Amino acid sequence: MTDEINGFVIDEYNQHKLEDGKKQGICPLCSHDRKPKNTSAKCASYDWDRGLGTCHNCNTSFQLHTYQRKGASEKVYIRPQAPVAIHNVSTKVEDWFQTRGISQQTLKDLQIGEGPEYMPQTGKTENVIKFNYFMGDQLINVKYRDGRKNFKLYKGAEKVFYNINSIIGYEYCVIVEGEMDVLALHEAGITNAISVPNGATLNSNNLDYLDACIDYFEDKDKIILACDSDEAGQALQAELVRRLGSEVCYLASFDDCKDANEYLQKYGKEKLSERISGARPVPLENVTTFRDIEDEVTDFVRNGFKPGFQVGLENFDDIFSTYTGQFITVTGIPSSGKSDFVDQMVIGYNNNYGWKTAFASPENQPTYLHAHKLMRKHWQGMPTAADIDGDRWNQVADHCNSNYYHIDMERYTLDSVLRKGAELVKRKGIKCLVIDPFNKVRDVGGSDDVNRYTMEYLAKIEIFAKKYDVLVFIVAHPTKMYKTQDGKIEEPTMYNIKGGGEWYDASYHGILVHRDYEQKTVKAKVLKVKFQNLGENGAEAHFKWEPQSGCFIPHQQIVVDSMPWE
């Protein structure tokens, strides 16, 4: 007897008390409902190595064991109380499901419930359908749906995938966008299907539920994504591919139908099963055909360049924006405010777009001081001892905890930082990675030639940024600077960084942060933008630095003659 299967520790071995070690036997799901003379009929196959049983009578898979949950969050959640009888739907509800192509057996298999529940959308208690979210034998959450198609999740409960238990032991699984789609696939004989808990929206695909369930996907050779065909569904699909990896993801579509349940109603079980089995792999990396990008080409012909992402500083937004999948080189003399301005930028992206950031910042140590700087910017001031554990303190602390991650290592190497960055993409959904400074995050084994070393270093970062659609910031100190005749230190350019030519050529963007001690201002100067629509080479934005909050306050804007477009 083994203690774990597929990395999951067994909690209760042989939970149904079946004939241990036998390859065939009764089904614990349907045998008790059959006629007395058939209760001992061997209708099921047991795979003890995978911990999975399959019934040939009711066409249902079941777990032979229960498992201890992996990767549980440290956050404390409220657990809904499981009713004595899970499957307790009325004839009226069963008839409604029947109109959607869902049988009584599927309702029973998926433990669908019914009962009264207060719905905030209507302001009163309604009779609702209950979709029960289990992990192992624990009821983690409940999704409620009333007759007007209003939804809510159990307040304070953890968000996890619906029907997550069903994929244990399978080499592949299917992810859909709603519970009804899970039921539809179950109806078509695809029992290893799960759903995201809260659908898809264009404004938020942070997928906070993925972190709690990521271990369930580690052994999967194939993950079929069968999201809705609308814009929000396709955005969810893209984020799932980014987080789970294009190498294991396959895409299923439903032609003229919005989702799996609509397809079931229109074309039936067999055709729905064929849709899933015919899922195509995500297009190969590094191989692009016109049809692969025809939508993008069409959009460009109609609308031109898409606007870049902005940080929310009006004068800086006028001269600079960016896309993800790129990297920005930020330079400046020591104590000019480079790191602080990068913090301001990622906080701006967080405020505007909800982007999360990971920092590999050997110079921003100890970490608690860097965390304090980020907190001040969100606080818009300096928190005091009297604020600790207050409502605002907890609100800002929770926000910082969920959006900023500090990579702390005894020895920083570029490969280890990028590996951790990839992990944070999958587990936390980061969209920004900060390397500060580059010379303390070394590329071990790189060339002894400075230019070649720089080229290889930046190539690794570019590959990472493109693969995971992340915006990377690289803080790069210049080499020794010289003073002008009036005693001021010259403003560095990207050519003043060690290996300078490679920095200018390879970087998508370059920004200079420079402090004017006489005027008590800080300027951000655009040294390079890769695409003309994203900024203006040579343009400057000037700021006052507010010492309490550590925020950069727009002061004035000086636009100089632009450099020739390169």
Protein backbone atom coordinates (compact mmCIF):
# COMPACT_ATOMS: atom_id res chain seq x y z
CA MET A 1 0.00 0.00 0.00
CA THR A 2 1.35 3.42 -1.00
CA ASP A 3 1.12 6.60 1.06
CA GLU A 4 0.67 8.96 -1.86
CA ILE A 5 -0.48 9.05 -5.49
CA ASN A 6 0.53 11.70 -8.02
CA GLY A 7 2.13 13.70 -5.23
CA PHE A 8 -1.06 13.75 -3.13
CA VAL A 9 -0.87 12.24 0.36
CA ILE A 10 -3.62 9.66 0.92
CA ASP A 11 -5.91 10.58 3.81
CA GLU A 12 -8.19 7.53 3.79
CA TYR A 13 -7.13 4.48 1.80
CA ASN A 14 -9.98 2.55 0.09
CA GLN A 15 -12.69 4.93 1.31
CA HIS A 16 -15.53 2.78 -0.09
CA LYS A 17 -14.26 -0.44 1.58
CA LEU A 18 -13.98 -2.29 -1.72
CA GLU A 19 -12.09 -5.55 -2.30
CA ASP A 20 -8.56 -4.27 -1.87
CA GLY A 21 -6.21 -5.21 -4.70
CA LYS A 22 -8.93 -6.58 -6.98
CA LYS A 23 -9.07 -5.21 -10.53
CA GLN A 24 -12.85 -5.58 -10.80
CA GLY A 25 -15.77 -5.29 -8.41
CA ILE A 26 -18.92 -3.40 -7.53
CA CYS A 27 -19.50 0.31 -8.10
CA PRO A 28 -20.04 2.27 -4.85
CA LEU A 29 -22.11 4.85 -6.75
CA CYS A 30 -24.76 2.71 -8.39
CA SER A 31 -24.70 -0.84 -6.95
CA HIS A 32 -26.89 0.05 -3.97
CA ASP A 33 -29.60 1.37 -6.33
CA ARG A 34 -29.76 -1.76 -8.46
CA LYS A 35 -32.10 -4.67 -8.00
CA PRO A 36 -31.18 -6.96 -5.07
CA LYS A 37 -30.02 -9.79 -7.32
CA ASN A 38 -27.56 -7.42 -9.05
CA THR A 39 -26.04 -5.64 -6.05
CA SER A 40 -22.96 -7.82 -6.20
CA ALA A 41 -22.49 -7.54 -9.97
CA LYS A 42 -18.90 -6.66 -10.91
CA CYS A 43 -19.60 -3.60 -13.01
CA ALA A 44 -16.53 -1.52 -12.12
CA SER A 45 -12.80 -1.58 -12.82
CA TYR A 46 -10.29 -0.51 -10.13
CA ASP A 47 -6.93 1.09 -10.87
CA TRP A 48 -5.22 1.11 -7.48
CA ASP A 49 -2.02 2.69 -8.84
CA ARG A 50 -3.95 5.74 -10.08
CA GLY A 51 -6.47 5.67 -7.24
CA LEU A 52 -9.32 5.71 -9.72
CA GLY A 53 -12.35 3.50 -10.36
CA THR A 54 -14.57 3.38 -13.44
CA CYS A 55 -18.10 2.00 -13.59
CA HIS A 56 -19.25 0.41 -16.86
CA ASN A 57 -22.89 0.51 -15.79
CA CYS A 58 -23.37 4.17 -14.80
CA ASN A 59 -20.38 5.42 -16.85
CA THR A 60 -18.95 7.35 -13.91
CA SER A 61 -15.43 7.59 -12.49
CA PHE A 62 -14.82 7.69 -8.74
CA GLN A 63 -11.89 8.08 -6.35
CA LEU A 64 -10.79 4.99 -4.50
CA HIS A 65 -9.19 7.07 -1.74
CA THR A 66 -9.46 10.50 -0.14
CA TYR A 67 -6.46 12.80 -0.18
CA GLN A 68 -4.95 15.48 1.97
CA ARG A 69 -5.03 18.82 0.26
CA LYS A 70 -1.78 20.27 -1.06
CA GLY A 71 -0.73 23.88 -1.26
CA ALA A 72 -3.35 25.24 1.10
CA SER A 73 -3.34 29.00 1.54
CA GLU A 74 -2.24 30.59 4.81
CA LYS A 75 -5.28 32.87 4.69
CA VAL A 76 -8.17 31.80 6.90
CA TYR A 77 -11.42 31.22 5.00
CA ILE A 78 -14.95 30.46 6.08
CA ARG A 79 -16.21 27.00 5.22
CA PRO A 80 -19.86 26.52 4.30
CA GLN A 81 -21.66 23.84 6.22
CA ALA A 82 -22.40 20.76 4.14
CA PRO A 83 -26.08 19.78 4.20
CA VAL A 84 -27.07 16.33 5.34
CA ALA A 85 -28.43 15.54 1.89
CA ILE A 86 -26.45 17.20 -0.90
CA HIS A 87 -28.59 16.04 -3.81
CA ASN A 88 -32.06 17.28 -2.91
CA VAL A 89 -33.43 19.05 -5.97
CA SER A 90 -37.13 19.25 -6.75
CA THR A 91 -38.87 17.86 -9.79
CA LYS A 92 -39.29 21.42 -11.08
CA VAL A 93 -35.52 21.99 -10.97
CA GLU A 94 -34.83 18.59 -12.54
CA ASP A 95 -37.21 19.49 -15.38
CA TRP A 96 -35.38 22.80 -15.91
CA PHE A 97 -32.04 21.01 -16.11
CA GLN A 98 -33.57 18.59 -18.58
CA THR A 99 -34.30 21.53 -20.91
CA ARG A 100 -30.55 22.26 -20.81
CA GLY A 101 -29.69 18.67 -21.71
CA ILE A 102 -28.71 17.65 -18.16
CA SER A 103 -30.03 14.35 -16.74
CA GLN A 104 -30.97 13.43 -13.18
CA GLN A 105 -27.96 11.10 -13.00
CA THR A 106 -25.55 13.95 -13.76
CA LEU A 107 -27.20 16.11 -11.08
CA LYS A 108 -26.67 13.28 -8.65
CA ASP A 109 -23.08 12.62 -9.73
CA LEU A 110 -22.15 16.31 -9.36
CA GLN A 111 -24.07 16.65 -6.08
CA ILE A 112 -26.30 19.52 -7.18
CA GLY A 113 -28.50 20.97 -4.43
CA GLU A 114 -31.47 23.32 -4.05
CA GLY A 115 -32.73 25.56 -1.29
CA PRO A 116 -33.48 29.09 -0.03
CA GLU A 117 -30.71 31.70 -0.08
CA TYR A 118 -30.60 35.49 0.24
CA MET A 119 -29.55 37.04 -3.09
CA PRO A 120 -28.21 40.61 -2.97
CA GLN A 121 -29.21 41.24 -6.60
CA THR A 122 -32.90 40.94 -5.73
CA GLY A 123 -32.68 41.96 -2.07
CA LYS A 124 -34.63 38.93 -0.83
CA THR A 125 -34.43 35.20 -0.20
CA GLU A 126 -34.82 33.14 -3.37
CA ASN A 127 -35.08 29.46 -4.15
CA VAL A 128 -31.69 28.72 -5.70
CA ILE A 129 -29.63 25.98 -7.29
CA LYS A 130 -26.49 25.11 -5.32
CA PHE A 131 -23.27 24.07 -7.03
CA ASN A 132 -21.11 22.53 -4.30
CA TYR A 133 -17.34 22.96 -4.52
CA PHE A 134 -15.47 20.04 -2.92
CA MET A 135 -11.76 19.42 -2.38
CA GLY A 136 -11.34 15.91 -1.09
CA ASP A 137 -14.27 15.39 1.25
CA GLN A 138 -14.33 19.05 2.36
CA LEU A 139 -16.99 21.48 1.14
CA ILE A 140 -14.90 24.55 0.26
CA ASN A 141 -17.43 26.85 -1.43
CA VAL A 142 -20.94 27.02 -2.87
CA LYS A 143 -22.14 28.82 -5.99
CA TYR A 144 -25.79 29.94 -5.82
CA ARG A 145 -27.93 30.61 -8.90
CA ASP A 146 -31.49 31.91 -8.85
CA GLY A 147 -34.14 31.79 -11.58
CA ARG A 148 -33.12 35.21 -12.93
CA LYS A 149 -29.55 34.00 -13.56
CA ASN A 150 -28.13 35.91 -10.61
CA PHE A 151 -25.06 34.32 -9.02
CA LYS A 152 -23.05 34.57 -5.84
CA LEU A 153 -20.37 32.57 -4.05
CA TYR A 154 -20.42 31.75 -0.33
CA LYS A 155 -19.19 34.90 1.46
CA GLY A 156 -15.70 34.56 2.89
CA ALA A 157 -15.08 31.12 1.38
CA GLU A 158 -12.00 30.23 -0.65
CA LYS A 159 -12.18 30.31 -4.43
CA VAL A 160 -11.18 27.02 -6.03
CA PHE A 161 -12.00 25.18 -9.25
CA TYR A 162 -15.42 23.54 -9.38
CA ASN A 163 -15.28 19.72 -9.49
CA ILE A 164 -11.50 19.72 -8.85
CA ASN A 165 -11.60 16.21 -7.34
CA SER A 166 -12.55 14.79 -10.73
CA ILE A 167 -9.13 15.33 -12.35
CA ILE A 168 -7.08 13.35 -9.81
CA GLY A 169 -5.55 10.32 -11.49
CA TYR A 170 -6.12 11.52 -15.05
CA GLU A 171 -3.31 12.39 -17.45
CA TYR A 172 -5.44 15.20 -18.87
CA CYS A 173 -8.27 17.47 -17.81
CA VAL A 174 -10.69 19.99 -19.29
CA ILE A 175 -11.17 23.55 -17.99
CA VAL A 176 -14.40 25.39 -18.79
CA GLU A 177 -15.91 28.70 -17.77
CA GLY A 178 -19.02 27.69 -15.84
CA GLU A 179 -20.60 24.94 -13.77
CA MET A 180 -23.24 24.25 -16.44
CA ASP A 181 -20.45 23.47 -18.89
CA VAL A 182 -18.99 20.95 -16.44
CA LEU A 183 -22.41 19.28 -16.26
CA ALA A 184 -22.67 19.31 -20.05
CA LEU A 185 -19.29 17.59 -20.47
CA HIS A 186 -20.17 15.07 -17.75
CA GLU A 187 -23.32 14.33 -19.73
CA ALA A 188 -21.09 13.65 -22.75
CA GLY A 189 -18.98 11.16 -20.78
CA ILE A 190 -16.14 13.57 -19.99
CA THR A 191 -16.04 13.36 -16.20
CA ASN A 192 -12.64 14.99 -15.64
CA ALA A 193 -13.83 18.54 -16.32
CA ILE A 194 -13.52 21.53 -13.98
CA SER A 195 -14.71 25.13 -14.04
CA VAL A 196 -13.28 28.43 -12.91
CA PRO A 197 -15.34 29.72 -9.96
CA ASN A 198 -16.27 33.17 -11.18
CA GLY A 199 -16.42 33.07 -14.96
CA ALA A 200 -14.39 35.50 -17.03
CA THR A 201 -14.29 39.27 -17.29
CA LEU A 202 -12.25 41.60 -19.45
CA ASN A 203 -11.17 43.64 -16.44
CA SER A 204 -9.87 40.93 -14.14
CA ASN A 205 -8.18 37.63 -14.85
CA ASN A 206 -5.91 37.44 -11.80
CA LEU A 207 -6.98 33.79 -11.29
CA ASP A 208 -6.42 33.94 -7.53
CA TYR A 209 -7.98 30.46 -7.29
CA LEU A 210 -5.23 28.91 -9.42
CA ASP A 211 -2.62 29.18 -6.65
CA ALA A 212 -4.68 27.00 -4.33
CA CYS A 213 -5.11 24.34 -7.03
CA ILE A 214 -1.85 24.51 -8.98
CA ASP A 215 -0.61 21.17 -7.64
CA TYR A 216 -3.54 19.40 -9.27
CA PHE A 217 -2.08 20.21 -12.70
CA GLU A 218 1.52 19.10 -12.11
CA ASP A 219 1.01 15.59 -13.48
CA LYS A 220 -1.09 16.61 -16.50
CA ASP A 221 0.28 15.91 -19.97
CA LYS A 222 -2.64 17.76 -21.56
CA ILE A 223 -4.91 20.55 -20.31
CA ILE A 224 -7.81 21.26 -22.65
CA LEU A 225 -9.19 24.79 -22.43
CA ALA A 226 -12.81 25.04 -23.53
CA CYS A 227 -13.61 28.66 -22.68
CA ASP A 228 -16.51 30.72 -24.02
CA SER A 229 -16.13 32.20 -27.48
CA ASP A 230 -16.77 35.80 -26.36
CA GLU A 231 -13.99 38.34 -25.75
CA ALA A 232 -13.88 37.75 -21.98
CA GLY A 233 -13.66 33.98 -22.48
CA GLN A 234 -10.78 34.34 -24.90
CA ALA A 235 -8.96 36.64 -22.47
CA LEU A 236 -9.37 33.98 -19.77
CA GLN A 237 -8.06 31.36 -22.19
CA ALA A 238 -4.97 33.46 -22.93
CA GLU A 239 -4.22 33.94 -19.23
CA LEU A 240 -4.64 30.21 -18.50
CA VAL A 241 -2.20 29.41 -21.31
CA ARG A 242 0.25 31.93 -19.87
CA ARG A 243 -0.03 30.51 -16.36
CA LEU A 244 -0.21 26.77 -17.10
CA GLY A 245 2.20 26.73 -20.05
CA SER A 246 1.59 26.55 -23.79
CA GLU A 247 3.38 23.21 -24.01
CA VAL A 248 0.53 21.36 -22.22
CA CYS A 249 -2.47 23.46 -23.24
CA TYR A 250 -4.90 22.50 -26.01
CA LEU A 251 -7.75 24.67 -27.29
CA ALA A 252 -11.31 23.51 -27.95
CA SER A 253 -13.86 25.68 -29.75
CA PHE A 254 -17.63 25.45 -30.18
CA ASP A 255 -18.11 26.95 -33.67
CA ASP A 256 -21.40 28.85 -33.70
CA CYS A 257 -22.14 28.19 -30.01
CA LYS A 258 -21.05 30.25 -27.04
CA ASP A 259 -20.13 27.40 -24.71
CA ALA A 260 -20.24 23.67 -24.03
CA ASN A 261 -23.80 23.62 -22.69
CA GLU A 262 -25.20 25.47 -25.69
CA TYR A 263 -23.29 23.07 -27.97
CA LEU A 264 -24.77 20.09 -26.09
CA GLN A 265 -28.30 21.39 -26.56
CA LYS A 266 -27.80 22.08 -30.26
CA TYR A 267 -25.69 19.10 -31.40
CA GLY A 268 -25.89 16.41 -28.68
CA LYS A 269 -23.49 14.42 -26.51
CA GLU A 270 -21.51 12.66 -29.23
CA LYS A 271 -20.71 15.83 -31.13
CA LEU A 272 -19.72 17.60 -27.90
CA SER A 273 -17.35 14.77 -27.03
CA GLU A 274 -15.83 15.03 -30.51
CA ARG A 275 -15.28 18.76 -29.98
CA ILE A 276 -13.23 18.11 -26.88
CA SER A 277 -11.27 15.19 -28.33
CA GLY A 278 -10.47 17.36 -31.37
CA ALA A 279 -8.89 20.13 -29.30
CA ARG A 280 -5.86 21.56 -31.09
CA PRO A 281 -2.55 22.36 -29.42
CA VAL A 282 -1.59 25.95 -28.79
CA PRO A 283 0.25 27.16 -31.93
CA LEU A 284 3.94 26.27 -31.95
CA GLU A 285 6.36 28.83 -30.62
CA ASN A 286 8.63 30.44 -33.17
CA VAL A 287 6.44 29.27 -36.07
CA THR A 288 3.82 31.72 -37.28
CA THR A 289 1.55 31.61 -40.29
CA PHE A 290 -0.68 34.37 -41.56
CA ARG A 291 -3.83 32.60 -40.34
CA ASP A 292 -2.33 32.39 -36.85
CA ILE A 293 -2.18 36.19 -36.66
CA GLU A 294 -4.89 37.18 -39.11
CA ASP A 295 -7.04 38.67 -36.34
CA GLU A 296 -4.15 40.87 -35.21
CA VAL A 297 -3.38 41.95 -38.78
CA THR A 298 -7.04 42.76 -39.39
CA ASP A 299 -7.25 44.76 -36.16
CA PHE A 300 -4.09 46.70 -37.06
CA VAL A 301 -5.42 47.53 -40.54
CA ARG A 302 -8.66 48.82 -39.01
CA ASN A 303 -7.39 50.54 -35.88
CA GLY A 304 -3.62 51.02 -36.13
CA PHE A 305 -1.33 50.56 -33.13
CA LYS A 306 -2.89 49.60 -29.82
CA PRO A 307 -2.32 52.18 -27.09
CA GLY A 308 0.48 51.37 -24.66
CA PHE A 309 0.07 50.88 -20.92
CA GLN A 310 0.58 53.98 -18.75
CA VAL A 311 1.60 54.54 -15.13
CA GLY A 312 -0.89 57.29 -14.25
CA LEU A 313 1.57 60.24 -14.00
CA GLU A 314 0.08 62.72 -16.47
CA ASN A 315 3.29 64.40 -17.64
CA PHE A 316 5.13 61.07 -17.92
CA ASP A 317 2.20 59.39 -19.70
CA ASP A 318 2.42 62.13 -22.35
CA ILE A 319 5.90 60.96 -23.35
CA PHE A 320 6.06 57.23 -22.51
CA SER A 321 4.00 54.05 -22.57
CA THR A 322 4.80 50.39 -23.05
CA TYR A 323 3.52 46.93 -23.88
CA THR A 324 4.04 43.76 -21.88
CA GLY A 325 6.45 41.13 -23.20
CA GLN A 326 9.20 43.79 -23.26
CA PHE A 327 11.91 45.10 -20.96
CA ILE A 328 12.86 48.60 -19.84
CA THR A 329 16.38 49.67 -18.92
CA VAL A 330 16.45 52.34 -16.21
CA THR A 331 19.73 54.13 -15.57
CA GLY A 332 21.05 57.12 -13.65
CA ILE A 333 23.88 58.11 -11.36
CA PRO A 334 23.88 56.81 -7.74
CA SER A 335 21.17 58.27 -5.44
CA SER A 336 19.24 59.69 -8.36
CA GLY A 337 16.01 57.84 -7.49
CA LYS A 338 16.11 55.01 -10.05
CA SER A 339 14.72 52.31 -7.77
CA ASP A 340 12.16 54.67 -6.28
CA PHE A 341 10.88 55.69 -9.71
CA VAL A 342 10.60 52.05 -10.79
CA ASP A 343 8.52 51.43 -7.63
CA GLN A 344 6.32 54.36 -8.67
CA MET A 345 5.87 52.85 -12.13
CA VAL A 346 4.87 49.36 -10.99
CA ILE A 347 2.48 50.82 -8.43
CA GLY A 348 0.96 52.87 -11.25
CA TYR A 349 0.50 49.74 -13.35
CA ASN A 350 -1.04 48.04 -10.34
CA ASN A 351 -3.49 50.88 -9.78
CA ASN A 352 -4.43 51.13 -13.46
CA TYR A 353 -4.44 47.47 -14.53
CA GLY A 354 -4.16 45.32 -11.40
CA TRP A 355 -0.68 44.07 -12.36
CA LYS A 356 1.31 42.21 -9.73
CA THR A 357 5.08 42.63 -9.42
CA ALA A 358 8.02 40.53 -8.24
CA PHE A 359 11.24 42.24 -7.12
CA ALA A 360 14.72 40.76 -7.31
CA SER A 361 16.40 43.69 -5.58
CA PRO A 362 19.64 42.93 -3.75
CA GLU A 363 20.14 46.66 -3.11
CA ASN A 364 16.64 47.08 -1.65
CA GLN A 365 17.60 45.29 1.53
CA PRO A 366 16.50 44.63 4.17
CA THR A 367 13.23 43.62 2.54
CA TYR A 368 11.02 45.15 5.21
CA LEU A 369 12.32 48.62 4.33
CA HIS A 370 11.42 48.11 0.68
CA ALA A 371 7.98 46.83 1.72
CA HIS A 372 7.59 49.99 3.82
CA LYS A 373 8.42 52.17 0.79
CA LEU A 374 5.75 50.43 -1.28
CA MET A 375 3.25 50.75 1.54
CA ARG A 376 3.91 54.51 1.84
CA LYS A 377 3.20 55.07 -1.83
CA HIS A 378 -0.13 53.24 -1.56
CA TRP A 379 -0.86 54.98 1.75
CA GLN A 380 -0.13 58.36 0.15
CA GLY A 381 1.73 59.31 3.31
CA MET A 382 3.69 58.00 6.28
CA PRO A 383 1.82 55.47 8.46
CA THR A 384 2.44 55.82 12.19
CA ALA A 385 2.51 53.40 15.11
CA ALA A 386 -1.05 54.45 15.94
CA ASP A 387 -2.20 53.18 12.52
CA ILE A 388 -0.95 49.61 13.07
CA ASP A 389 -3.76 47.01 12.93
CA GLY A 390 -6.31 49.69 12.07
CA ASP A 391 -8.73 49.22 9.18
CA ARG A 392 -6.65 51.27 6.74
CA TRP A 393 -3.43 49.56 7.82
CA ASN A 394 -4.95 46.13 7.24
CA GLN A 395 -6.41 47.19 3.90
CA VAL A 396 -3.11 48.52 2.56
CA ALA A 397 -1.12 45.64 4.08
CA ASP A 398 -3.44 43.06 2.49
CA HIS A 399 -3.13 44.83 -0.86
CA CYS A 400 0.66 44.90 -0.72
CA ASN A 401 0.73 41.27 0.41
CA SER A 402 -1.33 40.16 -2.58
CA ASN A 403 0.36 42.28 -5.25
CA TYR A 404 4.09 42.53 -4.48
CA TYR A 405 6.50 39.63 -4.05
CA HIS A 406 10.13 39.94 -2.94
CA ILE A 407 12.58 37.34 -4.24
CA ASP A 408 15.05 36.91 -1.37
CA MET A 409 18.14 34.81 -2.10
CA GLU A 410 21.54 34.41 -0.50
CA ARG A 411 23.08 34.49 -3.96
CA TYR A 412 21.22 36.02 -6.86
CA THR A 413 21.80 34.59 -10.32
CA LEU A 414 19.88 35.49 -13.45
CA ASP A 415 18.75 31.91 -14.08
CA SER A 416 17.48 31.44 -10.52
CA VAL A 417 15.63 34.77 -10.62
CA LEU A 418 13.98 33.94 -13.95
CA ARG A 419 12.98 30.48 -12.67
CA LYS A 420 11.39 32.06 -9.62
CA GLY A 421 9.77 34.65 -11.87
CA ALA A 422 8.24 31.86 -13.99
CA GLU A 423 6.93 30.20 -10.83
CA LEU A 424 5.39 33.48 -9.68
CA VAL A 425 3.72 33.89 -13.07
CA LYS A 426 2.07 30.49 -12.67
CA ARG A 427 1.22 30.73 -8.99
CA LYS A 428 0.53 34.44 -8.48
CA GLY A 429 0.01 35.86 -11.98
CA ILE A 430 2.72 38.55 -11.87
CA LYS A 431 2.94 40.89 -14.86
CA CYS A 432 6.10 42.81 -13.85
CA LEU A 433 9.56 41.65 -12.78
CA VAL A 434 12.15 44.08 -11.42
CA ILE A 435 15.89 43.27 -11.49
CA ASP A 436 17.65 45.90 -9.39
CA PRO A 437 20.52 46.21 -10.14
CA PHE A 438 21.56 43.93 -12.99
CA ASN A 439 25.21 43.67 -11.91
CA LYS A 440 24.19 42.00 -8.64
CA VAL A 441 21.99 39.46 -10.44
CA ARG A 442 24.77 37.67 -12.31
CA ASP A 443 24.58 35.36 -15.33
CA VAL A 444 26.73 32.48 -14.18
CA GLY A 445 28.77 30.92 -16.94
CA GLY A 446 28.39 33.86 -19.31
CA SER A 447 31.06 34.99 -21.73
CA ASP A 448 34.17 36.81 -20.50
CA ASP A 449 33.69 39.32 -23.30
CA VAL A 450 31.69 42.24 -21.89
CA ASN A 451 29.65 42.89 -25.01
CA ARG A 452 28.86 39.24 -25.58
CA TYR A 453 28.00 38.76 -21.89
CA THR A 454 25.60 41.71 -22.05
CA MET A 455 24.02 40.40 -25.25
CA GLU A 456 23.45 36.93 -23.72
CA TYR A 457 22.13 38.45 -20.47
CA LEU A 458 19.56 40.62 -22.21
CA ALA A 459 18.58 37.82 -24.61
CA LYS A 460 17.59 35.62 -21.63
CA ILE A 461 15.49 38.43 -20.22
CA GLU A 462 13.81 39.06 -23.57
CA ILE A 463 12.93 35.36 -23.94
CA PHE A 464 11.42 35.34 -20.44
CA ALA A 465 9.44 38.55 -21.06
CA LYS A 466 7.97 37.27 -24.33
CA LYS A 467 7.21 33.75 -23.10
CA TYR A 468 5.30 34.89 -20.03
CA ASP A 469 4.05 38.24 -21.37
CA VAL A 470 5.76 40.06 -18.51
CA LEU A 471 7.16 43.60 -18.39
CA VAL A 472 10.72 43.45 -17.02
CA PHE A 473 12.55 46.40 -15.46
CA ILE A 474 16.35 46.33 -15.36
CA VAL A 475 18.05 48.94 -13.18
CA ALA A 476 21.55 49.45 -14.58
CA HIS A 477 24.20 51.68 -13.01
CA PRO A 478 26.45 53.61 -15.37
CA THR A 479 30.21 53.34 -15.30
CA LYS A 480 32.27 56.21 -13.88
CA MET A 481 30.84 59.58 -14.82
CA TYR A 482 32.67 62.83 -15.45
CA LYS A 483 31.94 66.35 -14.30
CA THR A 484 31.23 69.27 -16.59
CA GLN A 485 33.08 72.59 -16.38
CA ASP A 486 30.56 73.94 -13.88
CA GLY A 487 31.18 70.97 -11.57
CA LYS A 488 27.97 69.07 -12.31
CA ILE A 489 28.04 65.35 -13.09
CA GLU A 490 27.16 64.59 -16.68
CA GLU A 491 23.87 62.90 -17.34
CA PRO A 492 24.53 59.31 -18.36
CA THR A 493 23.11 57.63 -21.42
CA MET A 494 22.60 53.95 -22.10
CA TYR A 495 26.07 53.93 -23.68
CA ASN A 496 27.53 54.70 -20.24
CA ILE A 497 26.40 51.32 -18.90
CA LYS A 498 29.05 48.61 -19.01
CA GLY A 499 28.58 46.98 -22.39
CA GLY A 500 26.76 50.15 -23.49
CA GLY A 501 26.18 49.50 -27.18
CA GLU A 502 24.37 46.23 -26.46
CA TRP A 503 22.13 47.95 -23.90
CA TYR A 504 20.95 50.53 -26.40
CA ASP A 505 20.48 48.05 -29.23
CA ALA A 506 18.71 45.30 -27.25
CA SER A 507 16.50 47.31 -24.85
CA TYR A 508 12.95 47.97 -25.89
CA HIS A 509 12.95 51.17 -23.88
CA GLY A 510 15.47 53.25 -21.95
CA ILE A 511 14.72 55.73 -19.16
CA LEU A 512 17.09 58.08 -17.36
CA VAL A 513 16.22 59.13 -13.80
CA HIS A 514 18.22 62.19 -12.74
CA ARG A 515 18.02 64.34 -9.62
CA ASP A 516 18.56 68.11 -9.73
CA TYR A 517 19.72 68.97 -6.21
CA GLU A 518 19.58 72.72 -6.82
CA GLN A 519 16.00 72.74 -8.08
CA LYS A 520 15.05 69.83 -5.79
CA THR A 521 13.39 68.06 -8.68
CA VAL A 522 13.72 64.68 -10.37
CA LYS A 523 13.37 64.15 -14.07
CA ALA A 524 12.57 61.06 -16.08
CA LYS A 525 14.00 61.29 -19.57
CA VAL A 526 13.11 58.92 -22.42
CA LEU A 527 16.39 57.62 -23.83
CA LYS A 528 14.77 55.13 -26.18
CA VAL A 529 11.40 53.78 -27.25
CA LYS A 530 11.33 50.82 -29.61
CA PHE A 531 8.02 51.73 -31.24
CA GLN A 532 7.23 55.27 -32.29
CA ASN A 533 3.66 55.17 -31.00
CA LEU A 534 4.83 54.46 -27.43
CA GLY A 535 6.84 57.56 -26.67
CA GLU A 536 9.13 60.36 -27.69
CA ASN A 537 12.89 60.00 -27.64
CA GLY A 538 14.55 62.80 -25.70
CA ALA A 539 11.39 64.00 -23.96
CA GLU A 540 11.49 64.74 -20.22
CA ALA A 541 8.97 64.73 -17.38
CA HIS A 542 9.85 66.61 -14.17
CA PHE A 543 8.69 65.78 -10.64
CA LYS A 544 8.84 66.89 -7.05
CA TRP A 545 9.58 64.04 -4.66
CA GLU A 546 7.20 64.02 -1.70
CA PRO A 547 9.18 62.75 1.35
CA GLN A 548 6.23 61.51 3.43
CA SER A 549 4.72 59.24 0.80
CA GLY A 550 7.80 58.80 -1.36
CA CYS A 551 5.61 59.62 -4.38
CA PHE A 552 6.68 61.53 -7.48
CA ILE A 553 4.43 64.55 -8.00
CA PRO A 554 4.32 65.99 -11.58
CA HIS A 555 6.09 69.36 -11.52
CA GLN A 556 6.44 70.55 -15.07
CA GLN A 557 7.11 69.13 -18.47
CA ILE A 558 9.94 70.08 -20.76
CA VAL A 559 9.86 68.61 -24.24
CA VAL A 560 13.13 68.87 -26.15
CA ASP A 561 13.72 68.28 -29.81
CA SER A 562 13.18 64.62 -30.49
CA MET A 563 16.06 62.44 -31.57
CA PRO A 564 15.95 61.11 -35.16
CA TRP A 565 13.81 58.00 -35.31
CA GLU A 566 15.98 54.89 -35.41
